[in-house]
């Protein structure tokens, strides 16, 4: 398997995208978005994940992040995906969800080809990670992440989208603590 879009160098930040299977618009309910934000906060507090920017869209999560020196980013993302998958399925089963049967069936079908015994698959295999190597790349990914909900017509201004770090950078109340950085930070 190629290492082209994997986090290899843990000393550097990466632009990471994690996607729901079949690009399903899963994160349309606060209860499901909360699973992701609570898990990200836990990874920051307990697993050494540094989150510099993030945005949770209906079908995927974007971040600029890195792992602390003692951790591997790939391990944190693996654990995050495993934990959130279980919590997402549990939430769909136990909370009001008009698409319950459809979602669970889609997650079950995504497991049909797997060799290991797994009942539900929420996230696509792996994740997309690109190392941040320049300020121009950092700037483009910051803008991409924060403008995603604007470009999708969800909000008019990036800082109005509560599931994004655009609020942190606009000094507005936010639902996730992040590791703020200067947009021209040379040692990211």
Foldseek 3Di string as FASTA:
>chain_A
DDCQFPQDDQQFWKKKKWWWPPLAQQPPDPQLLVLLQVLVQCCVVPVAKAWAKWFDGRTMIITTIHGPPVHHPQVSVVVSQVSSQVVSLVCLVPDDDPCSVVQQVVQQVVCPPPPDDDRGHTIDPDMGIDTDDALVVLVVSRCCRQCVCCVVVNDVGSLVDQRICVVVVVVHDHDHDHDHDDSHDGSD
